[in-house]
N, C-alpha and C. Protein backbone atom coordinates (compact mmCIF):
# COMPACT_ATOMS: atom_id res chain seq x y z
N UNK A 1 -70.77 -40.94 36.10
CA UNK A 1 -69.90 -40.17 37.23
C UNK A 1 -68.79 -41.26 37.47
N UNK A 2 -70.00 -42.36 38.19
CA UNK A 2 -68.94 -43.38 39.20
C UNK A 2 -67.75 -43.86 38.09
N UNK A 3 -68.01 -44.17 36.91
CA UNK A 3 -66.85 -44.77 36.03
C UNK A 3 -65.95 -43.53 36.08
N UNK A 4 -66.29 -42.69 35.62
CA UNK A 4 -65.10 -41.46 35.57
C UNK A 4 -64.06 -41.50 37.23
N UNK A 5 -64.80 -41.63 38.26
CA UNK A 5 -64.51 -41.75 39.23
C UNK A 5 -63.32 -42.56 39.48
N UNK A 6 -63.79 -44.10 39.11
CA UNK A 6 -63.10 -45.18 39.38
C UNK A 6 -61.94 -45.42 38.44
N UNK A 7 -61.73 -44.32 37.32
CA UNK A 7 -61.38 -44.41 36.16
C UNK A 7 -59.86 -43.44 36.74
N UNK A 8 -60.15 -42.25 37.47
CA UNK A 8 -59.35 -41.37 38.34
C UNK A 8 -58.48 -41.81 39.45
N UNK A 9 -59.48 -42.64 40.07
CA UNK A 9 -58.74 -43.52 41.18
C UNK A 9 -57.50 -44.47 40.84
N UNK A 10 -57.68 -45.15 39.31
CA UNK A 10 -56.86 -46.45 39.00
C UNK A 10 -55.74 -45.32 38.32
N UNK A 11 -55.93 -44.59 37.85
CA UNK A 11 -54.82 -43.52 37.41
C UNK A 11 -53.80 -43.07 38.41
N UNK A 12 -54.66 -42.63 39.68
CA UNK A 12 -54.13 -41.92 40.61
C UNK A 12 -53.10 -43.34 41.53
N UNK A 13 -53.66 -44.07 41.59
CA UNK A 13 -53.11 -45.54 42.14
C UNK A 13 -51.57 -45.87 41.59
N UNK A 14 -52.06 -45.63 40.03
CA UNK A 14 -50.90 -46.19 39.29
C UNK A 14 -49.81 -45.21 39.36
N UNK A 15 -50.04 -43.63 39.23
CA UNK A 15 -48.86 -42.81 39.76
C UNK A 15 -48.11 -43.34 41.01
N UNK A 16 -49.22 -43.29 41.99
CA UNK A 16 -48.55 -43.59 43.16
C UNK A 16 -47.48 -44.36 43.45
N UNK A 17 -47.82 -45.88 42.31
CA UNK A 17 -46.64 -46.85 42.17
C UNK A 17 -45.71 -46.66 42.00
N UNK A 18 -45.90 -45.63 40.74
CA UNK A 18 -44.82 -45.44 40.10
C UNK A 18 -43.80 -44.57 40.79
N UNK A 19 -44.40 -43.45 41.61
CA UNK A 19 -43.80 -42.94 42.62
C UNK A 19 -42.98 -43.44 43.51
N UNK A 20 -43.26 -44.77 43.97
CA UNK A 20 -42.68 -45.58 44.79
C UNK A 20 -41.73 -46.58 44.43
N UNK A 21 -41.62 -46.60 43.35
CA UNK A 21 -40.43 -47.45 42.63
C UNK A 21 -39.31 -46.86 42.98
N UNK A 22 -38.17 -47.84 43.30
CA UNK A 22 -36.96 -47.74 44.20
C UNK A 22 -36.11 -46.81 42.89
N UNK A 23 -35.29 -46.02 43.09
CA UNK A 23 -34.54 -45.53 42.08
C UNK A 23 -33.03 -46.19 42.25
N UNK A 24 -32.32 -46.12 41.15
CA UNK A 24 -31.36 -47.40 40.87
C UNK A 24 -30.42 -46.45 41.74
N UNK A 25 -29.71 -47.94 42.60
CA UNK A 25 -28.80 -47.54 43.61
C UNK A 25 -27.14 -47.13 42.87
N UNK A 26 -26.22 -46.46 43.66
CA UNK A 26 -25.16 -46.41 42.92
C UNK A 26 -25.10 -44.71 42.54
N UNK A 27 -23.56 -44.24 42.51
CA UNK A 27 -22.93 -43.10 42.03
C UNK A 27 -23.68 -42.65 40.76
N UNK A 28 -24.16 -41.24 40.29
CA UNK A 28 -24.71 -40.86 39.61
C UNK A 28 -23.68 -40.93 38.45
N UNK A 29 -22.31 -40.85 38.74
CA UNK A 29 -21.51 -41.07 37.49
C UNK A 29 -20.24 -41.53 37.58
N UNK A 30 -19.91 -42.89 36.64
CA UNK A 30 -18.99 -43.48 37.12
C UNK A 30 -17.50 -42.79 38.23
N UNK A 31 -16.84 -43.43 38.66
CA UNK A 31 -15.73 -42.98 39.53
C UNK A 31 -14.30 -43.30 39.06
N UNK A 32 -14.45 -42.97 37.61
CA UNK A 32 -13.23 -43.46 37.01
C UNK A 32 -12.28 -42.42 37.12
N UNK A 33 -12.33 -41.53 36.66
CA UNK A 33 -11.35 -40.14 37.34
C UNK A 33 -10.99 -40.62 38.89
N UNK A 34 -11.78 -40.47 39.83
CA UNK A 34 -10.87 -40.90 40.94
C UNK A 34 -10.19 -42.08 41.19
N UNK A 35 -10.20 -42.95 40.74
CA UNK A 35 -9.28 -44.21 40.55
C UNK A 35 -8.21 -43.85 39.65
N UNK A 36 -8.26 -43.42 38.55
CA UNK A 36 -7.16 -42.84 37.96
C UNK A 36 -6.32 -41.91 38.47
N UNK A 37 -6.73 -41.11 39.18
CA UNK A 37 -6.10 -40.42 40.02
C UNK A 37 -5.53 -41.09 41.16
N UNK A 38 -5.89 -42.12 41.70
CA UNK A 38 -5.37 -42.86 42.88
C UNK A 38 -4.12 -43.62 42.36
N UNK A 39 -4.55 -44.53 41.05
CA UNK A 39 -3.77 -44.98 40.23
C UNK A 39 -2.05 -44.00 40.33
N UNK A 40 -2.81 -42.80 39.60
CA UNK A 40 -1.72 -42.17 39.13
C UNK A 40 -0.53 -41.66 40.32
N UNK A 41 -1.16 -41.57 41.68
CA UNK A 41 -0.48 -41.44 42.98
C UNK A 41 0.30 -42.50 43.71
N UNK A 42 -0.17 -43.74 43.13
CA UNK A 42 0.62 -45.00 43.44
C UNK A 42 1.66 -44.99 42.21
N UNK A 43 1.74 -44.69 41.24
CA UNK A 43 2.78 -44.94 40.15
C UNK A 43 3.55 -44.00 40.29
N UNK A 44 3.27 -42.65 40.93
CA UNK A 44 3.98 -41.44 40.91
C UNK A 44 4.87 -41.90 42.38
N UNK A 45 4.61 -42.27 43.43
CA UNK A 45 4.95 -42.71 44.45
C UNK A 45 6.38 -43.62 44.13
N UNK A 46 5.64 -44.54 43.24
CA UNK A 46 6.86 -45.73 43.03
C UNK A 46 7.79 -45.57 42.28
N UNK A 47 7.57 -44.28 40.85
CA UNK A 47 8.80 -43.88 40.48
C UNK A 47 9.60 -43.31 41.08
N UNK A 48 9.22 -42.14 41.93
CA UNK A 48 9.83 -41.94 42.78
C UNK A 48 11.15 -42.37 44.10
N UNK A 49 10.11 -43.31 44.16
CA UNK A 49 11.51 -44.52 45.36
C UNK A 49 12.43 -44.94 44.46
N UNK A 50 12.17 -45.21 43.08
CA UNK A 50 13.29 -45.41 42.45
C UNK A 50 13.81 -44.47 42.11
N UNK A 51 13.70 -43.38 41.78
CA UNK A 51 14.81 -42.52 41.35
C UNK A 51 15.54 -42.35 42.65
N UNK A 52 15.24 -42.01 43.86
CA UNK A 52 16.00 -42.31 44.95
C UNK A 52 17.09 -43.45 44.82
N UNK A 53 16.52 -44.51 45.03
CA UNK A 53 17.25 -46.14 44.76
C UNK A 53 18.31 -46.01 43.57
N UNK A 54 17.97 -45.43 42.38
CA UNK A 54 19.01 -45.57 41.62
C UNK A 54 20.07 -44.25 42.07
N UNK A 55 19.92 -43.21 42.78
CA UNK A 55 21.06 -42.28 42.91
C UNK A 55 21.96 -43.19 44.36
N UNK A 56 21.16 -43.82 45.13
CA UNK A 56 21.98 -44.72 46.37
C UNK A 56 22.62 -45.45 45.42
N UNK A 57 22.28 -46.55 44.43
CA UNK A 57 22.93 -47.16 43.92
C UNK A 57 23.82 -47.01 43.28
N UNK A 58 23.84 -45.90 42.80
CA UNK A 58 25.20 -45.04 41.97
C UNK A 58 26.13 -45.17 42.93
N UNK A 59 26.03 -44.36 43.91
CA UNK A 59 27.12 -44.25 44.78
C UNK A 59 27.45 -45.35 45.31
N UNK A 60 26.57 -46.20 45.57
CA UNK A 60 27.00 -47.32 46.30
C UNK A 60 27.81 -48.13 45.06
N UNK A 61 27.85 -47.99 43.83
CA UNK A 61 28.51 -48.75 42.63
C UNK A 61 29.94 -48.97 43.01
N UNK A 62 30.23 -47.88 43.99
CA UNK A 62 32.11 -47.86 44.03
C UNK A 62 32.43 -49.38 44.93
N UNK A 63 31.28 -49.71 45.81
CA UNK A 63 31.73 -50.65 46.38
C UNK A 63 31.10 -52.31 45.96
N UNK A 64 30.08 -52.03 45.24
CA UNK A 64 29.30 -53.81 45.21
C UNK A 64 29.27 -53.89 43.44
N UNK A 65 30.37 -53.36 42.41
CA UNK A 65 30.35 -53.26 41.21
C UNK A 65 29.35 -52.93 40.35
N UNK A 66 28.24 -52.16 40.97
CA UNK A 66 27.15 -52.02 40.13
C UNK A 66 26.08 -53.00 40.52
N UNK A 67 26.14 -54.32 41.47
CA UNK A 67 25.41 -54.91 41.51
C UNK A 67 23.93 -54.40 41.71
N UNK A 68 23.94 -53.56 42.49
CA UNK A 68 22.88 -52.86 42.90
C UNK A 68 22.02 -51.86 41.77
N UNK A 69 22.92 -51.46 41.20
CA UNK A 69 22.16 -50.52 40.42
C UNK A 69 22.20 -51.22 38.61
N UNK A 70 22.39 -52.19 38.34
CA UNK A 70 21.77 -52.75 37.29
C UNK A 70 20.49 -52.89 37.22
N UNK A 71 20.21 -53.66 38.07
CA UNK A 71 18.70 -54.07 37.98
C UNK A 71 17.83 -52.54 38.01
N UNK A 72 17.98 -51.64 38.30
CA UNK A 72 17.40 -50.50 38.26
C UNK A 72 17.14 -49.78 37.04
N UNK A 73 17.97 -50.23 35.76
CA UNK A 73 17.90 -49.25 34.71
C UNK A 73 17.41 -50.16 33.71
N UNK A 74 16.94 -49.78 32.46
CA UNK A 74 16.21 -50.45 31.21
C UNK A 74 16.56 -49.32 30.08
N UNK A 75 16.57 -50.08 28.97
CA UNK A 75 17.02 -49.92 27.90
C UNK A 75 18.51 -50.18 27.48
N UNK A 76 18.95 -50.30 26.09
CA UNK A 76 20.22 -51.06 26.04
C UNK A 76 21.33 -50.05 26.41
N UNK A 77 21.14 -48.41 26.32
CA UNK A 77 22.19 -47.62 26.62
C UNK A 77 22.50 -47.67 28.33
N UNK A 78 21.46 -47.54 28.85
CA UNK A 78 21.64 -47.67 30.25
C UNK A 78 22.29 -48.51 30.84
N UNK A 79 21.74 -49.94 30.34
CA UNK A 79 22.49 -51.35 30.89
C UNK A 79 23.75 -51.09 30.44
N UNK A 80 24.08 -50.82 29.24
CA UNK A 80 25.74 -50.77 29.20
C UNK A 80 26.40 -49.86 29.99
N UNK A 81 25.68 -48.61 30.32
CA UNK A 81 26.41 -47.74 31.08
C UNK A 81 26.71 -48.58 32.91
N UNK A 82 25.77 -48.98 32.89
CA UNK A 82 25.74 -49.67 34.59
C UNK A 82 26.71 -50.73 34.39
N UNK A 83 26.71 -51.36 33.63
CA UNK A 83 27.91 -52.59 33.34
C UNK A 83 28.89 -52.10 33.56
N UNK A 84 29.52 -50.67 32.60
CA UNK A 84 30.58 -50.66 32.63
C UNK A 84 31.25 -49.89 33.42
N UNK A 85 30.34 -49.21 34.51
CA UNK A 85 30.68 -48.74 35.47
C UNK A 85 30.91 -49.54 36.67
N UNK A 86 30.52 -50.99 36.31
CA UNK A 86 30.99 -51.94 37.33
C UNK A 86 32.00 -52.50 37.42
N UNK A 87 32.34 -52.61 35.88
CA UNK A 87 33.72 -53.07 35.25
C UNK A 87 34.79 -52.13 35.72
N UNK A 88 34.79 -51.29 35.62
CA UNK A 88 35.49 -49.69 35.56
C UNK A 88 35.93 -49.88 37.45
N UNK A 89 34.93 -49.76 38.11
CA UNK A 89 35.04 -49.54 39.61
C UNK A 89 35.60 -51.06 40.25
N UNK A 90 35.47 -52.02 39.54
CA UNK A 90 36.07 -53.15 40.07
C UNK A 90 37.43 -53.88 39.38
N UNK A 91 37.99 -52.80 38.31
CA UNK A 91 39.51 -52.97 37.74
C UNK A 91 40.05 -51.58 38.57
N UNK A 92 39.54 -51.01 39.21
CA UNK A 92 40.50 -50.04 39.95
C UNK A 92 41.33 -50.55 40.98
N UNK A 93 42.64 -50.41 40.96
CA UNK A 93 43.65 -50.76 41.75
C UNK A 93 43.54 -50.45 43.48
N UNK A 94 42.99 -49.12 43.88
CA UNK A 94 42.84 -48.71 45.14
C UNK A 94 41.44 -49.10 45.52
N UNK A 95 41.25 -48.18 46.12
CA UNK A 95 39.64 -48.55 46.98
C UNK A 95 38.79 -46.88 46.47
N UNK A 96 37.60 -47.32 46.39
CA UNK A 96 36.65 -46.60 46.07
C UNK A 96 35.53 -46.47 47.23
N UNK A 97 35.09 -45.03 47.89
CA UNK A 97 33.60 -44.95 48.28
C UNK A 97 32.91 -43.90 47.85
N UNK A 98 31.82 -44.36 47.63
CA UNK A 98 30.79 -43.46 47.08
C UNK A 98 29.96 -42.72 48.46
N UNK A 99 29.40 -41.30 48.08
CA UNK A 99 28.69 -40.69 49.25
C UNK A 99 27.49 -39.77 48.36
N UNK A 100 26.59 -40.33 48.70
CA UNK A 100 25.24 -39.10 48.25
C UNK A 100 24.77 -38.05 48.92
N UNK A 101 24.60 -36.93 48.63
CA UNK A 101 24.22 -35.93 49.41
C UNK A 101 23.24 -35.57 48.52
N UNK A 102 21.73 -35.40 48.94
CA UNK A 102 20.75 -35.54 48.16
C UNK A 102 19.62 -34.36 48.75
N UNK A 103 19.66 -33.28 48.03
CA UNK A 103 19.27 -31.94 48.42
C UNK A 103 18.10 -31.87 48.10
N UNK A 104 17.39 -32.40 47.18
CA UNK A 104 15.77 -32.31 46.69
C UNK A 104 15.51 -33.60 45.97
N UNK A 105 14.31 -33.95 45.94
CA UNK A 105 13.77 -35.41 45.19
C UNK A 105 12.46 -34.83 45.24
N UNK A 106 11.82 -34.22 43.95
CA UNK A 106 10.69 -33.67 43.42
C UNK A 106 9.96 -34.81 43.25
N UNK A 107 8.54 -34.34 43.00
CA UNK A 107 7.38 -35.26 42.87
C UNK A 107 7.31 -36.11 41.28
N UNK A 108 7.12 -37.11 41.23
CA UNK A 108 7.21 -38.06 39.69
C UNK A 108 5.87 -37.24 39.16
N UNK A 109 6.20 -37.09 37.97
CA UNK A 109 4.90 -36.52 36.79
C UNK A 109 5.37 -37.19 35.69
N UNK A 110 3.88 -37.42 34.72
CA UNK A 110 4.17 -37.99 33.55
C UNK A 110 5.25 -37.31 32.67
N UNK A 111 6.16 -37.77 32.00
CA UNK A 111 6.44 -37.12 30.96
C UNK A 111 6.53 -37.62 29.56
N UNK A 112 6.67 -36.75 28.25
CA UNK A 112 6.59 -37.37 27.05
C UNK A 112 7.81 -36.85 26.39
N UNK A 113 8.19 -38.03 25.40
CA UNK A 113 9.49 -37.62 24.47
C UNK A 113 9.15 -36.53 23.30
N UNK A 114 9.94 -35.76 23.20
CA UNK A 114 9.95 -34.79 22.08
C UNK A 114 9.92 -35.76 20.46
N UNK A 115 10.28 -36.89 20.14
CA UNK A 115 10.76 -37.72 19.31
C UNK A 115 9.16 -38.77 19.36
N UNK A 116 8.27 -38.52 20.28
CA UNK A 116 7.37 -39.57 20.54
C UNK A 116 7.90 -40.88 21.05
N UNK A 117 8.95 -41.06 21.25
CA UNK A 117 9.23 -42.51 21.44
C UNK A 117 8.82 -43.04 22.79
N UNK A 118 8.19 -42.33 23.72
CA UNK A 118 7.90 -42.56 25.22
C UNK A 118 5.82 -42.75 25.04
N UNK A 119 5.69 -42.91 23.84
CA UNK A 119 3.92 -42.53 23.88
C UNK A 119 3.23 -43.42 24.26
N UNK A 120 3.94 -44.90 24.02
CA UNK A 120 3.22 -46.23 24.23
C UNK A 120 3.74 -46.77 25.31
N UNK A 121 4.65 -46.02 26.35
CA UNK A 121 4.90 -46.32 27.67
C UNK A 121 4.43 -45.56 28.86
N UNK A 122 4.19 -45.88 30.08
CA UNK A 122 4.16 -45.57 30.89
C UNK A 122 5.51 -44.59 31.86
N UNK A 123 5.85 -43.30 30.98
CA UNK A 123 6.82 -42.98 31.76
C UNK A 123 6.66 -41.57 33.12
N UNK A 124 7.64 -41.60 33.84
CA UNK A 124 7.57 -40.74 34.83
C UNK A 124 8.72 -39.99 34.87
N UNK A 125 9.19 -38.65 35.02
CA UNK A 125 10.12 -37.94 35.19
C UNK A 125 10.28 -37.34 36.75
N UNK A 126 11.54 -37.45 37.44
CA UNK A 126 11.64 -36.75 38.95
C UNK A 126 12.83 -35.87 38.64
N UNK A 127 12.54 -34.38 38.87
CA UNK A 127 13.58 -33.53 39.24
C UNK A 127 13.99 -33.88 40.45
N UNK A 128 15.84 -34.16 40.33
CA UNK A 128 16.62 -33.84 41.55
C UNK A 128 17.58 -33.04 41.60
N UNK A 129 18.03 -32.83 43.04
CA UNK A 129 18.94 -32.07 43.18
C UNK A 129 20.13 -32.87 43.90
N UNK A 130 21.07 -33.38 43.62
CA UNK A 130 22.26 -34.30 44.13
C UNK A 130 23.40 -34.45 43.93
N UNK A 131 24.45 -34.63 44.74
CA UNK A 131 25.88 -34.63 44.43
C UNK A 131 26.48 -36.09 45.30
N UNK A 132 26.94 -36.46 44.00
CA UNK A 132 27.64 -38.13 44.40
C UNK A 132 29.06 -37.77 44.51
N UNK A 133 30.05 -38.04 45.60
CA UNK A 133 31.13 -38.00 45.46
C UNK A 133 32.16 -39.27 45.59
N UNK A 134 32.75 -39.60 44.76
CA UNK A 134 33.81 -40.81 45.13
C UNK A 134 35.06 -40.83 45.36
N UNK A 135 35.18 -40.88 46.60
CA UNK A 135 36.12 -40.91 47.42
C UNK A 135 37.42 -41.84 46.81
N UNK A 136 38.83 -41.53 46.55
CA UNK A 136 39.46 -42.63 45.90
C UNK A 136 40.87 -42.79 46.77
N UNK A 137 41.22 -44.10 47.14
CA UNK A 137 42.58 -44.04 47.05
C UNK A 137 43.46 -45.14 46.78
N UNK A 138 44.75 -44.79 46.37
CA UNK A 138 45.50 -45.72 45.40
C UNK A 138 45.89 -47.31 46.10
N UNK A 139 46.48 -48.02 45.46
CA UNK A 139 46.95 -49.23 46.02
C UNK A 139 47.87 -49.06 47.17
N UNK A 140 48.73 -47.77 47.35
CA UNK A 140 49.35 -47.69 48.30
C UNK A 140 48.82 -47.03 49.89
N UNK A 141 47.41 -46.71 49.35
CA UNK A 141 46.13 -46.28 50.38
C UNK A 141 46.67 -44.76 50.31
N UNK A 142 47.11 -43.78 49.83
CA UNK A 142 47.37 -42.66 49.43
C UNK A 142 45.89 -41.94 48.78
N UNK A 143 45.42 -41.32 49.11
CA UNK A 143 44.32 -40.75 48.65
C UNK A 143 44.48 -39.94 47.31
N UNK A 144 43.30 -40.01 46.72
CA UNK A 144 43.63 -39.34 44.92
C UNK A 144 42.42 -38.08 45.37
N UNK A 145 42.40 -37.18 44.62
CA UNK A 145 41.51 -36.46 44.66
C UNK A 145 40.24 -36.98 44.05
N UNK A 146 39.18 -36.69 44.68
CA UNK A 146 38.21 -36.90 44.96
C UNK A 146 36.90 -36.70 43.48
N UNK A 147 36.09 -37.60 43.32
CA UNK A 147 35.43 -37.20 42.00
C UNK A 147 34.19 -36.49 42.23
N UNK A 148 33.54 -35.80 41.76
CA UNK A 148 32.42 -35.37 42.68
C UNK A 148 31.35 -35.62 40.72
N UNK A 149 30.48 -35.94 41.30
CA UNK A 149 29.37 -35.99 40.08
C UNK A 149 28.24 -35.22 40.62
N UNK A 150 27.75 -33.85 39.99
CA UNK A 150 26.71 -33.33 39.83
C UNK A 150 25.41 -34.26 39.32
N UNK A 151 24.37 -34.34 39.94
CA UNK A 151 23.26 -35.00 39.26
C UNK A 151 21.83 -34.28 39.18
N UNK A 152 22.08 -32.94 39.21
CA UNK A 152 20.58 -32.08 38.96
C UNK A 152 20.23 -32.54 37.62
N UNK A 153 19.17 -32.88 37.94
CA UNK A 153 17.91 -32.53 36.54
C UNK A 153 17.06 -33.70 37.00
N UNK A 154 17.08 -34.24 35.77
CA UNK A 154 15.65 -35.14 35.70
C UNK A 154 15.96 -36.70 35.40
N UNK A 155 15.26 -37.43 36.20
CA UNK A 155 15.62 -38.84 35.79
C UNK A 155 14.45 -39.35 35.53
N UNK A 156 14.66 -40.05 34.53
CA UNK A 156 13.45 -40.57 33.77
C UNK A 156 13.06 -41.92 33.82
N UNK A 157 12.19 -42.35 33.89
CA UNK A 157 12.16 -44.00 34.12
C UNK A 157 10.49 -44.53 33.26
N UNK A 158 10.73 -45.77 32.76
CA UNK A 158 9.33 -46.30 32.45
C UNK A 158 9.02 -47.50 33.15
N UNK A 159 8.01 -47.99 32.89
CA UNK A 159 7.12 -48.83 33.99
C UNK A 159 7.28 -50.22 32.86
N UNK A 160 8.00 -51.17 33.61
CA UNK A 160 8.16 -52.47 32.48
C UNK A 160 7.12 -53.52 32.82
N UNK A 161 7.05 -54.29 31.92
CA UNK A 161 5.97 -55.19 32.11
C UNK A 161 5.66 -56.22 33.25
N UNK A 162 6.78 -56.30 34.18
CA UNK A 162 6.52 -56.71 35.50
C UNK A 162 5.84 -55.68 36.44
N UNK A 163 5.90 -54.22 35.72
CA UNK A 163 4.97 -53.20 36.95
C UNK A 163 6.51 -52.57 37.73
N UNK A 164 7.43 -52.94 37.54
CA UNK A 164 8.75 -52.07 37.89
C UNK A 164 8.91 -50.72 37.03
N UNK A 165 9.64 -49.67 37.68
CA UNK A 165 10.15 -48.68 36.95
C UNK A 165 11.47 -48.86 37.26
N UNK A 166 12.05 -48.35 36.33
CA UNK A 166 13.44 -48.61 35.78
C UNK A 166 13.72 -47.23 34.85
N UNK A 167 15.19 -46.58 35.30
CA UNK A 167 15.65 -45.50 34.88
C UNK A 167 16.38 -45.94 33.34
N UNK A 168 15.76 -45.09 32.57
CA UNK A 168 16.47 -45.32 31.51
C UNK A 168 17.17 -43.77 30.90
N UNK A 169 16.98 -42.29 31.55
CA UNK A 169 17.85 -41.71 31.36
C UNK A 169 17.77 -40.61 32.47
N UNK A 170 19.17 -40.09 32.51
CA UNK A 170 19.15 -39.38 33.65
C UNK A 170 20.11 -37.97 33.28
N UNK A 171 20.33 -37.01 34.46
CA UNK A 171 21.52 -36.08 33.77
C UNK A 171 22.28 -36.55 35.00
N UNK A 172 23.69 -35.84 34.28
CA UNK A 172 24.82 -36.07 34.99
C UNK A 172 25.92 -35.04 34.81
N UNK A 173 26.52 -34.01 35.85
CA UNK A 173 27.43 -32.66 35.19
C UNK A 173 26.76 -32.13 34.09
N UNK A 174 25.33 -31.95 33.99
CA UNK A 174 24.99 -31.28 33.06
C UNK A 174 24.32 -31.71 31.75
N UNK A 175 24.63 -33.11 31.78
CA UNK A 175 24.49 -33.64 30.37
C UNK A 175 23.62 -34.99 30.97
N UNK A 176 22.79 -34.93 29.56
CA UNK A 176 22.12 -36.53 29.74
C UNK A 176 22.96 -37.84 29.40
N UNK A 177 22.32 -38.91 29.66
CA UNK A 177 23.15 -40.23 29.53
C UNK A 177 23.27 -40.41 27.81
N UNK A 178 22.29 -40.10 27.20
CA UNK A 178 22.74 -40.15 26.02
C UNK A 178 23.82 -39.44 25.08
N UNK A 179 23.99 -38.43 25.86
CA UNK A 179 25.09 -37.12 25.39
C UNK A 179 26.83 -37.44 26.07
N UNK A 180 26.79 -38.12 27.36
CA UNK A 180 27.87 -38.32 27.82
C UNK A 180 28.39 -39.83 27.80
N UNK A 181 27.77 -40.70 27.49
CA UNK A 181 28.05 -42.30 27.11
C UNK A 181 27.73 -42.70 25.97
N UNK A 182 28.49 -43.36 25.05
CA UNK A 182 28.56 -43.97 23.88
C UNK A 182 29.16 -45.29 23.94
N UNK A 183 28.42 -45.79 23.04
CA UNK A 183 29.20 -47.49 23.01
C UNK A 183 28.87 -47.36 21.09
N UNK A 184 30.00 -47.73 20.56
CA UNK A 184 30.28 -48.36 19.09
C UNK A 184 30.49 -49.50 19.36
N UNK A 185 29.55 -50.42 18.39
CA UNK A 185 29.87 -51.62 18.17
C UNK A 185 29.94 -51.99 16.58
N UNK A 186 30.41 -52.97 16.19
CA UNK A 186 30.78 -53.32 14.86
C UNK A 186 31.35 -52.49 13.96
N UNK A 187 31.99 -51.21 14.20
CA UNK A 187 32.86 -50.62 13.03
C UNK A 187 33.88 -50.95 12.32
N UNK A 188 33.66 -51.00 10.91
CA UNK A 188 34.72 -51.55 10.28
C UNK A 188 35.14 -50.51 8.89
N UNK A 189 36.27 -50.46 9.40
CA UNK A 189 36.99 -49.37 8.35
C UNK A 189 38.07 -49.74 7.40
N UNK A 190 37.83 -49.23 6.57
CA UNK A 190 39.25 -49.88 5.31
C UNK A 190 39.83 -48.69 4.96
N UNK A 191 41.14 -48.73 4.75
CA UNK A 191 41.98 -47.75 4.18
C UNK A 191 43.11 -48.57 3.93
N UNK A 192 43.66 -47.89 2.48
CA UNK A 192 44.98 -48.44 1.92
C UNK A 192 44.89 -50.10 2.19
N UNK A 193 43.91 -50.44 2.10
CA UNK A 193 44.44 -52.21 2.23
C UNK A 193 44.60 -52.97 3.41
N UNK A 194 44.21 -51.91 4.62
CA UNK A 194 43.81 -51.99 5.93
C UNK A 194 42.93 -52.25 6.65
N UNK A 195 42.42 -52.92 7.08
CA UNK A 195 40.85 -53.32 8.02
C UNK A 195 41.36 -53.08 9.54
N UNK A 196 40.31 -52.08 9.87
CA UNK A 196 40.23 -52.04 11.11
C UNK A 196 38.96 -52.30 11.66
N UNK A 197 38.98 -53.32 12.64
CA UNK A 197 37.26 -53.60 13.45
C UNK A 197 37.14 -53.22 14.49
N UNK A 198 36.53 -52.35 15.14
CA UNK A 198 36.37 -52.14 16.36
C UNK A 198 34.84 -52.91 16.76
N UNK A 199 35.14 -53.91 17.57
CA UNK A 199 33.78 -54.66 17.89
C UNK A 199 33.26 -53.97 19.11
N UNK A 200 34.08 -53.51 20.14
CA UNK A 200 33.37 -52.84 21.22
C UNK A 200 34.31 -51.64 21.74
N UNK A 201 33.79 -50.18 21.85
CA UNK A 201 34.18 -49.22 22.25
C UNK A 201 33.20 -48.63 22.96
N UNK A 202 33.99 -48.24 24.31
CA UNK A 202 33.15 -47.87 25.20
C UNK A 202 33.77 -46.22 25.89
N UNK A 203 33.35 -45.28 25.69
CA UNK A 203 33.40 -44.10 26.24
C UNK A 203 32.68 -43.67 27.28
N UNK A 204 33.63 -43.65 28.65
CA UNK A 204 32.67 -44.01 29.42
C UNK A 204 33.98 -42.90 30.88
N UNK A 205 33.36 -42.59 31.89
CA UNK A 205 34.18 -41.77 32.64
C UNK A 205 32.97 -42.15 33.73
N UNK A 206 33.76 -42.21 35.11
CA UNK A 206 33.38 -42.79 36.02
C UNK A 206 32.17 -41.71 36.63
């Protein structure tokens, strides 16, 4: 009986020791979802700020030859558009003043392209309601009918290698950038022994 009692005491002591073993410290599950949520909020805020800056820079392109606009765009088409906006405004013989009226700047949300072209990129879209008015005067100081641009629609941005968001597409007067702005390079046409080469042709409206 004594041996049995001693054995019971040892077993009980071992069980008590196990019960006093400290539990592992830390969360029951990783907080990765929370971290991702915070990261999404940060990226969303950055994208929204860039969309607003883009609208302001487009309005300001009337007076700074698009110097503030060009760093805010990405992609060959958007860069060409910003470049030629600056060239066009700088060449205008009179004066131009741009004014932004912002009615709505929506929250930024991740977007995907139907053709899958954005699948490998961090892309966000911001829905805006805004009007940019370009006031014009000719070289004599006489006012010309102003040009109004409706910017209602989605501004699409991608995040570059440097972490900054830049605009790759947007809507102006109901048309996307790739619908209202076209660049033709290196077009060669031969007819009846006559060769016509178009090195660079830009279809652009301010």
